Protein backbone atom coordinates (compact mmCIF):
# COMPACT_ATOMS: atom_id res chain seq x y z
CA MET A 1 86.93 83.66 92.18
CA LEU A 2 88.32 85.23 88.97
CA LEU A 3 86.20 87.59 86.77
CA HIS A 4 86.70 87.47 83.15
CA THR A 5 85.98 91.15 82.55
CA ARG A 6 86.88 92.94 79.34
CA ALA A 7 89.81 94.67 81.16
CA ASN A 8 91.25 91.29 82.18
CA LYS A 9 90.88 89.73 78.72
CA LEU A 10 92.65 92.84 77.26
CA THR A 11 95.38 92.45 79.86
CA GLY A 12 96.07 89.04 78.64
CA LEU A 13 96.15 90.19 75.01
CA LEU A 14 98.60 93.14 76.09
CA LEU A 15 100.77 90.68 77.93
CA PHE A 16 101.04 88.45 74.81
CA GLY A 17 101.83 91.44 72.56
CA LEU A 18 104.43 92.61 74.90
CA VAL A 19 106.61 89.53 74.26
CA PHE A 20 107.08 90.77 70.64
CA LEU A 21 108.25 94.22 71.77
CA LEU A 22 110.91 93.09 74.22
CA THR A 23 113.70 93.32 71.75
CA THR A 24 112.77 96.67 70.53
CA PRO A 25 113.38 100.05 71.96
CA TYR A 26 109.79 100.35 72.87
CA ALA A 27 110.10 97.59 75.44
CA ARG A 28 110.26 99.91 78.56
CA PRO A 29 107.43 102.19 77.71
CA ALA A 30 105.22 99.21 76.60
CA SER A 31 105.93 97.42 79.73
CA ALA A 32 105.01 100.43 81.71
CA LEU A 33 101.69 100.72 79.81
CA VAL A 34 100.89 97.10 80.33
CA CYS A 35 101.76 97.21 84.04
CA ALA A 36 99.51 100.31 84.48
CA TRP A 37 96.66 98.57 82.55
CA ALA A 38 96.94 95.37 84.66
CA THR A 39 96.91 97.37 87.80
CA ALA A 40 93.64 99.16 86.57
CA ALA A 41 92.10 95.86 85.71
CA THR A 42 93.11 94.36 89.09
CA LEU A 43 91.53 97.36 90.90
CA GLN A 44 88.39 96.95 88.88
CA GLU A 45 88.11 93.27 89.77
CA GLY A 46 88.69 93.97 93.39
CA TYR A 47 85.91 96.59 93.33
CA LEU A 48 83.42 94.30 91.54
CA LEU A 49 84.17 91.45 93.90
CA CYS A 50 83.74 93.65 97.05
CA ARG A 51 80.53 95.22 95.76
CA GLY A 52 79.13 91.74 94.96
CA LYS A 53 78.67 92.38 91.44
CA ALA A 54 80.39 89.23 90.25
CA ARG A 55 78.53 87.51 87.42
């Protein structure tokens, strides 16, 4: 089951925006930021699923 939390939605938006930064000098820091955010969103989703708070 997938939850569509705000964090997951923002992760998708950040991943979409990252494509436009890949040819700039900001690609590496932006990629690290997006990866960190995606990890946090995944941990939140796992927590919500384990606690049974899925909507």
